[in-house]
Amino acid sequence: MAEVCPFCGIRYKKEKVSNLGVVNCPPYDVITAAKQKLYYQKSDYNVIRLELPAQPSAGSAKGRSKSKYGNAAVTLKSWLKEGVLQADGSPAFYLHDHYFRYEGRRRRRELIARVKLVPWGEGICPHEETSSKVKQDRLQLLQTCQAASSPILALYQGKDKEIAGILSSVAQYNPPVDFIDSGERHLIWAITESQLIRQISDLLSDLPFYVADGHHRYETALAYQRERIEQLSSPTGKEAFNYIMMSLVEFSDPGLVVLPIHRLVRGISPDTKAKLIRWLTNQDFFTVETNSLLDIKANLAENIFHKLKPAEGEGALLGVLGLEDDSLIILRQRPDVSIDKAMPEARSQAYRKLSVSLLNHLILEEILGIDSSRDDIEYTADVDEAYRRVTEGDYQLAFITSLPKVEVVKSIADAGDRMPRKSTYFYPKVPAGLVINPLW
């Protein structure tokens, strides 16, 4: 199973950065170009410069690199030299309580640790497919900076609440780090006591971990590990690059929220759109319901999710915006019709039951002739954004998927299968910059 270790994390020094709420940012994959610019403006020390560095302009200042990756490396070295960032003196696990609002106030409890890199399936389980384009960007950043500024999110199933009890005992003390960023509160404790570290390591090292968010970063870390090992004459296996920083959360944590990711589609010809309408009228897979949006626009996302909430045992459920003006078309899988003929033969039963699987294979690929891996399909977890971009004409159709259950993530991984890429959005994202993992 997984090997879990404490480490000397690099963190912002309070004497240099008094307000930690202005130096963090989300992980790279949810940062738009506009948001990237805002994080640059938020603080001269915002971790965006390490997590998603901007491309340097032609007139870059003397001493800066010609590449964004080089600039990130220069920035990291500079911040360490100036004392903006400082490595902790003792190896630690980092307990992170993340307070946020979703259907009331919630807290997600995470343990940030180093975990030994192993091939997929050897104690580390993926649940989603990935894109090679994204991995190349992350690899170049790792090669240049030799540090990771954001942990991946992974889930585990603890035994007898032993780990939860240990973390609760730590959280009884006042947190050394306590700050608010964008309305979310973050409390952080460094666990350095040797007895607690041994207990936590022993309990976690018996368990498989399920990657919830960060598949690209994990595969990038594996590639970087191979590169570094090839450069050494006698690798020990204990070098820092053999490990990845993870934020570990129990499956049973009440603050664990997983949201769907919706598809926005354009480039559909009038004939193809008409084909989809004809198919919906005559097909056998779904019942088709038309719902007016006129009365629910004031609270659109909540109302749509309510309509797309599957009943116990119900099959795939999808919504379509843009097919008819001011209407939500609901596609409800017929319980008496097998979907196996619409799914690839090699896929597991768990995969075949997913709403997003039917969407990708049956509607996008077979009916609309769109490759679901194409880069010009836009993805969003925000229903309001999906509706806005369709009504403003940026995209023709938005396919709204129903709320996935966290148990599905485990069942897909346990079956040795993966969901289509960008199927789940674990909310909120673990911020970059809480702890930086040095790989030297």
Protein backbone atom coordinates (compact mmCIF):
# COMPACT_ATOMS: atom_id res chain seq x y z
CA MET A 1 0.00 0.00 0.00
CA ALA A 2 0.97 3.66 0.06
CA GLU A 3 4.02 4.99 1.94
CA VAL A 4 3.12 8.21 3.77
CA CYS A 5 5.78 10.53 5.19
CA PRO A 6 6.15 13.92 6.88
CA PHE A 7 8.35 16.52 5.19
CA CYS A 8 9.93 19.91 5.72
CA GLY A 9 7.47 22.04 3.81
CA ILE A 10 8.26 25.50 2.51
CA ARG A 11 5.81 28.12 3.78
CA TYR A 12 5.27 31.86 3.75
CA LYS A 13 7.03 33.62 6.61
CA LYS A 14 4.65 35.75 8.66
CA GLU A 15 7.26 38.45 9.24
CA LYS A 16 7.44 39.04 5.49
CA VAL A 17 3.84 38.31 4.52
CA SER A 18 1.46 39.45 7.25
CA ASN A 19 -1.74 38.71 5.30
CA LEU A 20 -1.68 35.13 4.00
CA GLY A 21 -5.09 35.68 2.44
CA VAL A 22 -3.56 37.54 -0.52
CA VAL A 23 -0.78 35.12 -1.48
CA ASN A 24 -2.68 31.91 -2.25
CA CYS A 25 -4.47 30.95 -5.45
CA PRO A 26 -6.42 27.95 -6.75
CA PRO A 27 -4.60 25.15 -8.62
CA TYR A 28 -3.69 25.92 -12.21
CA ASP A 29 -6.54 24.03 -13.91
CA VAL A 30 -9.32 26.40 -12.78
CA ILE A 31 -7.47 29.68 -13.38
CA THR A 32 -8.56 31.59 -16.48
CA ALA A 33 -6.34 34.20 -18.13
CA ALA A 34 -8.38 36.95 -16.48
CA LYS A 35 -8.08 35.37 -13.04
CA GLN A 36 -4.37 34.83 -13.55
CA LYS A 37 -3.96 38.56 -14.08
CA LEU A 38 -6.00 39.34 -10.95
CA TYR A 39 -3.85 37.06 -8.79
CA TYR A 40 -0.73 38.76 -10.12
CA GLN A 41 -2.21 42.08 -9.02
CA LYS A 42 -3.35 40.78 -5.64
CA SER A 43 0.16 40.64 -4.19
CA ASP A 44 3.75 40.74 -5.40
CA TYR A 45 4.19 37.49 -3.47
CA ASN A 46 1.13 35.63 -4.73
CA VAL A 47 1.95 31.98 -5.45
CA ILE A 48 0.39 32.34 -8.91
CA ARG A 49 3.96 33.14 -10.02
CA LEU A 50 4.93 29.55 -9.14
CA GLU A 51 1.64 27.75 -9.84
CA LEU A 52 0.72 29.32 -13.19
CA PRO A 53 3.45 31.77 -14.25
CA ALA A 54 2.61 34.25 -16.99
CA GLN A 55 4.43 34.27 -20.29
CA PRO A 56 7.11 37.01 -20.09
CA SER A 57 6.77 39.99 -22.39
CA ALA A 58 9.36 40.82 -25.04
CA GLY A 59 10.87 43.52 -22.83
CA SER A 60 11.44 41.41 -19.73
CA ALA A 61 13.55 42.93 -16.99
CA LYS A 62 17.25 42.11 -16.88
CA GLY A 63 17.99 38.88 -15.07
CA ARG A 64 14.63 37.33 -15.87
CA SER A 65 14.18 34.26 -18.03
CA LYS A 66 12.74 34.23 -21.52
CA SER A 67 10.32 31.48 -20.49
CA LYS A 68 7.53 31.48 -17.94
CA TYR A 69 8.98 28.34 -16.38
CA GLY A 70 12.37 29.98 -15.94
CA ASN A 71 10.76 33.00 -14.32
CA ALA A 72 8.97 30.74 -11.84
CA ALA A 73 12.30 29.18 -10.85
CA VAL A 74 13.94 32.60 -10.47
CA THR A 75 11.01 33.78 -8.33
CA LEU A 76 11.20 30.76 -6.03
CA LYS A 77 14.92 31.20 -5.45
CA SER A 78 14.46 34.91 -4.86
CA TRP A 79 11.68 34.44 -2.30
CA LEU A 80 13.73 31.86 -0.42
CA LYS A 81 16.77 34.15 -0.39
CA GLU A 82 14.70 37.14 0.80
CA GLY A 83 12.97 35.11 3.51
CA VAL A 84 9.51 35.48 1.97
CA LEU A 85 9.43 31.69 1.95
CA GLN A 86 11.17 29.50 4.50
CA ALA A 87 11.54 25.74 4.88
CA ASP A 88 10.34 24.31 8.18
CA GLY A 89 13.12 22.99 10.40
CA SER A 90 11.43 19.69 11.30
CA PRO A 91 9.52 17.16 9.15
CA ALA A 92 5.80 17.57 9.65
CA PHE A 93 2.36 16.50 8.58
CA TYR A 94 0.18 19.56 7.99
CA LEU A 95 -3.41 19.49 9.25
CA HIS A 96 -5.61 21.81 7.20
CA ASP A 97 -9.18 22.70 8.17
CA HIS A 98 -10.88 24.34 5.19
CA TYR A 99 -14.10 26.22 6.02
CA PHE A 100 -16.40 27.18 3.14
CA ARG A 101 -20.05 27.67 2.26
CA TYR A 102 -22.02 25.10 0.32
CA GLU A 103 -25.64 24.41 1.31
CA GLY A 104 -24.77 25.94 4.67
CA ARG A 105 -21.39 26.18 6.35
CA ARG A 106 -19.00 23.27 5.96
CA ARG A 107 -15.53 22.17 7.01
CA ARG A 108 -13.31 19.76 5.10
CA ARG A 109 -10.45 18.30 7.14
CA GLU A 110 -7.29 17.47 5.19
CA LEU A 111 -3.87 16.08 6.05
CA ILE A 112 -1.08 17.33 3.80
CA ALA A 113 1.69 14.74 3.51
CA ARG A 114 4.26 13.28 1.17
CA VAL A 115 3.20 9.99 -0.45
CA LYS A 116 5.56 7.62 -2.29
CA LEU A 117 5.07 7.65 -6.05
CA VAL A 118 4.01 4.26 -7.43
CA PRO A 119 2.46 3.20 -10.74
CA TRP A 120 -1.30 3.52 -10.96
CA GLY A 121 -3.10 0.67 -9.25
CA GLU A 122 -0.36 -0.12 -6.74
CA GLY A 123 -2.00 1.62 -3.81
CA ILE A 124 -2.80 4.82 -5.74
CA CYS A 125 -6.04 4.65 -7.74
CA PRO A 126 -7.14 7.04 -10.48
CA HIS A 127 -10.78 7.67 -11.35
CA GLU A 128 -10.57 10.01 -14.37
CA GLU A 129 -8.87 10.11 -17.77
CA THR A 130 -6.24 12.77 -18.52
CA SER A 131 -4.92 14.96 -21.35
CA SER A 132 -1.31 14.78 -22.56
CA LYS A 133 -1.24 18.51 -23.43
CA VAL A 134 -1.74 19.57 -19.81
CA LYS A 135 0.84 17.09 -18.52
CA GLN A 136 3.58 18.54 -20.73
CA ASP A 137 3.05 22.01 -19.28
CA ARG A 138 3.21 20.70 -15.71
CA LEU A 139 6.34 18.66 -16.46
CA GLN A 140 8.20 21.68 -17.79
CA LEU A 141 7.32 23.60 -14.63
CA LEU A 142 8.57 20.76 -12.38
CA GLN A 143 11.78 20.38 -14.38
CA THR A 144 12.58 24.06 -13.96
CA CYS A 145 11.39 24.81 -10.40
CA GLN A 146 12.02 21.39 -8.80
CA ALA A 147 9.17 22.13 -6.40
CA ALA A 148 5.39 21.71 -6.29
CA SER A 149 3.20 24.53 -5.01
CA SER A 150 -0.11 22.65 -4.77
CA PRO A 151 -1.03 19.23 -3.37
CA ILE A 152 -3.25 16.79 -5.18
CA LEU A 153 -6.46 15.80 -3.40
CA ALA A 154 -6.80 12.11 -2.54
CA LEU A 155 -9.40 10.15 -0.58
CA TYR A 156 -9.04 7.24 1.80
CA GLN A 157 -11.30 5.05 3.90
CA GLY A 158 -10.03 5.07 7.48
CA LYS A 159 -10.62 2.25 9.97
CA ASP A 160 -12.56 2.74 13.19
CA LYS A 161 -12.14 6.53 12.99
CA GLU A 162 -8.62 6.23 14.47
CA ILE A 163 -7.08 8.79 12.13
CA ALA A 164 -10.02 11.16 12.59
CA GLY A 165 -9.54 10.93 16.37
CA ILE A 166 -5.85 11.82 16.15
CA LEU A 167 -6.52 14.80 13.91
CA SER A 168 -9.32 16.00 16.18
CA SER A 169 -6.93 15.96 19.15
CA VAL A 170 -4.45 18.12 17.21
CA ALA A 171 -7.21 20.56 16.21
CA GLN A 172 -8.04 21.26 19.87
CA TYR A 173 -5.03 23.57 20.04
CA ASN A 174 -5.01 27.09 18.61
CA PRO A 175 -3.80 26.95 15.00
CA PRO A 176 -0.50 28.72 14.29
CA VAL A 177 -1.90 29.69 10.88
CA ASP A 178 -5.39 31.16 10.57
CA PHE A 179 -6.45 33.33 7.64
CA ILE A 180 -9.38 34.12 5.34
CA ASP A 181 -9.12 34.12 1.57
CA SER A 182 -12.10 34.94 -0.67
CA GLY A 183 -14.54 34.24 2.13
CA GLU A 184 -13.03 30.86 2.99
CA ARG A 185 -11.18 30.26 6.25
CA HIS A 186 -8.02 28.19 6.52
CA LEU A 187 -6.55 26.79 9.74
CA ILE A 188 -3.19 24.97 9.63
CA TRP A 189 -1.26 23.01 12.24
CA ALA A 190 2.18 21.45 11.74
CA ILE A 191 2.30 17.99 13.37
CA THR A 192 5.91 17.37 14.39
CA GLU A 193 5.63 15.09 17.46
CA SER A 194 7.38 11.82 16.61
CA GLN A 195 4.77 9.60 18.28
CA LEU A 196 1.88 11.20 16.39
CA ILE A 197 3.83 11.03 13.13
CA ARG A 198 4.45 7.30 13.62
CA GLN A 199 0.79 6.66 14.45
CA ILE A 200 -0.48 8.59 11.43
CA SER A 201 2.08 7.00 9.06
CA ASP A 202 1.25 3.49 10.26
CA LEU A 203 -2.50 3.97 9.98
CA LEU A 204 -2.37 5.58 6.53
CA SER A 205 0.25 3.28 5.04
CA ASP A 206 -2.21 0.37 5.20
CA LEU A 207 -4.71 2.12 2.93
CA PRO A 208 -5.18 2.70 -0.79
CA PHE A 209 -5.60 6.31 -1.89
CA TYR A 210 -8.09 7.40 -4.53
CA VAL A 211 -7.02 10.47 -6.49
CA ALA A 212 -9.93 12.92 -6.51
CA ASP A 213 -8.25 15.98 -8.03
CA GLY A 214 -4.79 16.05 -9.57
CA HIS A 215 -4.48 13.16 -12.02
CA HIS A 216 -2.36 15.25 -14.39
CA ARG A 217 -0.03 16.30 -11.57
CA TYR A 218 0.38 12.70 -10.42
CA GLU A 219 1.27 11.46 -13.90
CA THR A 220 3.61 14.42 -14.32
CA ALA A 221 5.33 13.54 -11.03
CA LEU A 222 5.83 9.97 -12.27
CA ALA A 223 7.43 11.25 -15.48
CA TYR A 224 9.65 13.63 -13.51
CA GLN A 225 10.66 10.81 -11.17
CA ARG A 226 11.76 8.65 -14.13
CA GLU A 227 13.83 11.52 -15.53
CA ARG A 228 15.60 12.18 -12.25
CA ILE A 229 16.33 8.50 -11.58
CA GLU A 230 17.96 8.19 -15.01
CA GLN A 231 20.32 11.05 -14.09
CA LEU A 232 21.62 9.28 -10.96
CA SER A 233 24.19 6.50 -10.88
CA SER A 234 22.95 5.05 -7.57
CA PRO A 235 19.42 6.21 -6.67
CA THR A 236 18.30 5.27 -3.16
CA GLY A 237 14.54 5.56 -3.64
CA LYS A 238 14.39 8.05 -0.77
CA GLU A 239 15.10 11.17 -2.83
CA ALA A 240 12.41 13.84 -2.55
CA PHE A 241 11.37 13.46 -6.18
CA ASN A 242 10.16 9.93 -5.37
CA TYR A 243 7.27 11.47 -3.43
CA ILE A 244 4.32 13.69 -4.20
CA MET A 245 2.48 16.12 -1.92
CA MET A 246 -1.09 15.01 -1.24
CA SER A 247 -3.97 16.50 0.70
CA LEU A 248 -5.68 13.45 2.20
CA VAL A 249 -9.39 13.41 3.09
CA GLU A 250 -11.55 10.60 4.48
CA PHE A 251 -14.43 9.43 2.30
CA SER A 252 -16.73 9.95 5.29
CA ASP A 253 -15.69 13.58 5.84
CA PRO A 254 -18.94 15.64 5.99
CA GLY A 255 -17.22 18.47 4.14
CA LEU A 256 -16.44 16.38 1.08
CA VAL A 257 -18.40 17.91 -1.82
CA VAL A 258 -18.25 16.61 -5.39
CA LEU A 259 -19.97 18.52 -8.19
CA PRO A 260 -20.52 17.65 -11.86
CA ILE A 261 -18.72 19.30 -14.76
CA HIS A 262 -20.88 20.31 -17.70
CA ARG A 263 -20.11 20.40 -21.43
CA LEU A 264 -20.48 23.43 -23.68
CA VAL A 265 -20.53 22.68 -27.41
CA ARG A 266 -20.31 24.79 -30.57
CA GLY A 267 -19.64 24.24 -34.26
CA ILE A 268 -22.89 22.31 -34.74
CA SER A 269 -24.43 22.73 -38.19
CA PRO A 270 -28.20 23.30 -38.55
CA ASP A 271 -28.54 19.83 -40.10
CA THR A 272 -26.72 18.22 -37.16
CA LYS A 273 -28.86 20.07 -34.62
CA ALA A 274 -31.97 18.96 -36.49
CA LYS A 275 -30.62 15.40 -36.41
CA LEU A 276 -30.30 15.60 -32.62
CA ILE A 277 -33.89 16.86 -32.27
CA ARG A 278 -35.18 14.04 -34.53
CA TRP A 279 -33.17 11.49 -32.55
CA LEU A 280 -34.53 12.71 -29.22
CA THR A 281 -38.04 12.34 -30.60
CA ASN A 282 -37.55 8.76 -31.80
CA GLN A 283 -34.84 7.17 -29.62
CA ASP A 284 -35.43 4.46 -27.01
CA PHE A 285 -32.84 5.36 -24.36
CA PHE A 286 -34.44 8.39 -22.66
CA THR A 287 -37.77 9.92 -21.82
CA VAL A 288 -37.72 13.59 -22.86
CA GLU A 289 -39.19 16.37 -20.72
CA THR A 290 -39.33 20.08 -21.58
CA ASN A 291 -39.19 22.54 -18.67
CA SER A 292 -39.61 26.30 -18.96
CA LEU A 293 -36.78 28.36 -17.44
CA LEU A 294 -38.82 31.56 -17.19
CA ASP A 295 -39.90 30.97 -13.60
CA ILE A 296 -36.62 29.65 -12.20
CA LYS A 297 -33.99 32.03 -13.61
CA ALA A 298 -33.62 33.89 -10.32
CA ASN A 299 -32.09 30.78 -8.74
CA LEU A 300 -31.15 28.86 -11.86
CA ALA A 301 -28.40 26.52 -10.67
CA GLU A 302 -30.25 25.35 -7.55
CA ASN A 303 -33.47 24.77 -9.47
CA ILE A 304 -31.79 22.87 -12.28
CA PHE A 305 -29.89 20.65 -9.84
CA HIS A 306 -33.17 19.96 -8.04
CA LYS A 307 -34.74 18.86 -11.34
CA LEU A 308 -31.70 16.73 -12.16
CA LYS A 309 -31.50 15.02 -8.78
CA PRO A 310 -31.90 11.31 -9.51
CA ALA A 311 -34.21 9.19 -7.40
CA GLU A 312 -32.76 6.17 -5.60
CA GLY A 313 -31.79 3.57 -8.19
CA GLU A 314 -32.52 5.87 -11.13
CA GLY A 315 -30.21 5.71 -14.14
CA ALA A 316 -28.53 8.41 -16.18
CA LEU A 317 -29.99 11.92 -16.06
CA LEU A 318 -29.01 14.85 -18.30
CA GLY A 319 -30.16 18.39 -19.01
CA VAL A 320 -29.79 20.29 -22.29
CA LEU A 321 -29.79 24.09 -22.62
CA GLY A 322 -30.02 25.80 -26.01
CA LEU A 323 -32.07 23.19 -27.84
CA GLU A 324 -35.23 25.25 -27.31
CA ASP A 325 -35.36 28.91 -26.23
CA ASP A 326 -35.68 29.44 -22.46
CA SER A 327 -36.16 25.73 -21.90
CA LEU A 328 -34.35 22.95 -20.09
CA ILE A 329 -34.68 19.60 -21.85
CA ILE A 330 -34.35 16.73 -19.36
CA LEU A 331 -33.25 13.31 -20.62
CA ARG A 332 -34.14 10.55 -18.16
CA GLN A 333 -32.81 7.07 -18.84
CA ARG A 334 -35.55 4.49 -19.39
CA PRO A 335 -35.28 1.75 -16.73
CA ASP A 336 -36.45 -1.00 -19.10
CA VAL A 337 -33.88 -0.41 -21.87
CA SER A 338 -30.30 -1.71 -21.82
CA ILE A 339 -27.60 0.85 -22.56
CA ASP A 340 -24.86 -1.72 -23.11
CA LYS A 341 -25.01 -1.46 -26.91
CA ALA A 342 -24.25 2.28 -26.66
CA MET A 343 -21.13 1.76 -24.52
CA PRO A 344 -17.63 0.54 -25.44
CA GLU A 345 -17.31 -3.18 -24.71
CA ALA A 346 -14.17 -2.81 -22.59
CA ARG A 347 -15.82 -0.53 -20.06
CA SER A 348 -16.99 -1.60 -16.60
CA GLN A 349 -20.62 -1.67 -15.49
CA ALA A 350 -19.87 1.22 -13.14
CA TYR A 351 -18.67 3.29 -16.13
CA ARG A 352 -21.71 2.39 -18.23
CA LYS A 353 -24.09 3.74 -15.61
CA LEU A 354 -22.57 7.24 -15.63
CA SER A 355 -24.59 10.10 -17.11
CA VAL A 356 -21.42 11.62 -18.55
CA SER A 357 -20.54 8.30 -20.25
CA LEU A 358 -23.86 8.25 -22.12
CA LEU A 359 -23.42 11.91 -22.97
CA ASN A 360 -19.93 11.40 -24.41
CA HIS A 361 -20.51 8.18 -26.35
CA LEU A 362 -24.15 8.33 -27.35
CA ILE A 363 -24.87 12.04 -27.88
CA LEU A 364 -21.61 13.87 -28.48
CA GLU A 365 -19.80 11.22 -30.50
CA GLU A 366 -22.52 9.14 -32.18
CA ILE A 367 -25.26 11.72 -32.81
CA LEU A 368 -23.35 15.02 -33.06
CA GLY A 369 -20.13 13.53 -34.42
CA ILE A 370 -18.01 15.39 -31.85
CA ASP A 371 -14.94 13.78 -30.34
CA SER A 372 -15.41 14.22 -26.58
CA SER A 373 -11.64 14.69 -26.14
CA ARG A 374 -11.53 17.71 -28.46
CA ASP A 375 -10.06 20.83 -26.93
CA ASP A 376 -12.79 23.12 -28.29
CA ILE A 377 -15.39 21.56 -26.02
CA GLU A 378 -15.59 23.87 -23.02
CA TYR A 379 -16.05 22.57 -19.50
CA THR A 380 -17.59 24.34 -16.52
CA ALA A 381 -18.92 23.37 -13.09
CA ASP A 382 -21.06 26.55 -13.06
CA VAL A 383 -24.61 26.15 -14.38
CA ASP A 384 -25.14 29.93 -14.48
CA GLU A 385 -22.03 30.33 -16.64
CA ALA A 386 -23.23 27.55 -18.95
CA TYR A 387 -26.60 29.25 -19.38
CA ARG A 388 -25.02 32.67 -19.94
CA ARG A 389 -22.59 31.45 -22.58
CA VAL A 390 -25.36 29.70 -24.49
CA THR A 391 -27.76 32.68 -24.35
CA GLU A 392 -24.95 35.06 -25.40
CA GLY A 393 -24.14 32.85 -28.38
CA ASP A 394 -20.63 31.74 -27.39
CA TYR A 395 -21.83 28.12 -27.49
CA GLN A 396 -24.86 26.48 -29.06
CA LEU A 397 -25.65 23.82 -26.47
CA ALA A 398 -24.87 23.14 -22.83
CA PHE A 399 -25.20 19.60 -21.51
CA ILE A 400 -25.84 19.66 -17.75
CA THR A 401 -24.91 16.51 -15.85
CA SER A 402 -26.45 15.42 -12.55
CA LEU A 403 -24.64 15.45 -9.20
CA PRO A 404 -22.24 12.50 -8.95
CA LYS A 405 -21.93 10.55 -5.73
CA VAL A 406 -18.52 10.25 -4.10
CA GLU A 407 -19.10 6.48 -3.83
CA VAL A 408 -19.04 6.33 -7.62
CA VAL A 409 -15.46 7.61 -7.64
CA LYS A 410 -14.44 4.63 -5.51
CA SER A 411 -16.46 2.08 -7.46
CA ILE A 412 -15.01 3.25 -10.80
CA ALA A 413 -11.45 3.08 -9.45
CA ASP A 414 -12.03 -0.30 -7.77
CA ALA A 415 -13.23 -1.64 -11.12
CA GLY A 416 -9.92 -0.58 -12.67
CA ASP A 417 -11.73 1.89 -14.90
CA ARG A 418 -11.78 5.67 -15.27
CA MET A 419 -14.48 8.24 -15.76
CA PRO A 420 -14.25 10.47 -18.86
CA ARG A 421 -11.92 13.38 -18.22
CA LYS A 422 -13.44 16.34 -16.41
CA SER A 423 -16.33 14.39 -14.91
CA THR A 424 -15.99 15.51 -11.28
CA TYR A 425 -15.26 18.81 -9.54
CA PHE A 426 -14.31 18.45 -5.89
CA TYR A 427 -15.36 21.69 -4.23
CA PRO A 428 -13.65 23.77 -3.08
CA LYS A 429 -10.24 23.33 -4.64
CA VAL A 430 -7.27 22.91 -2.29
CA PRO A 431 -5.40 26.24 -2.57
CA ALA A 432 -1.88 26.42 -3.91
CA GLY A 433 0.69 28.03 -1.62
CA LEU A 434 -0.39 26.63 1.75
CA VAL A 435 2.70 24.39 1.73
CA ILE A 436 5.31 24.03 -1.02
CA ASN A 437 6.98 20.67 -1.55
CA PRO A 438 10.71 20.92 -2.43
CA LEU A 439 11.99 18.14 -4.69
CA TRP A 440 15.71 18.78 -4.32
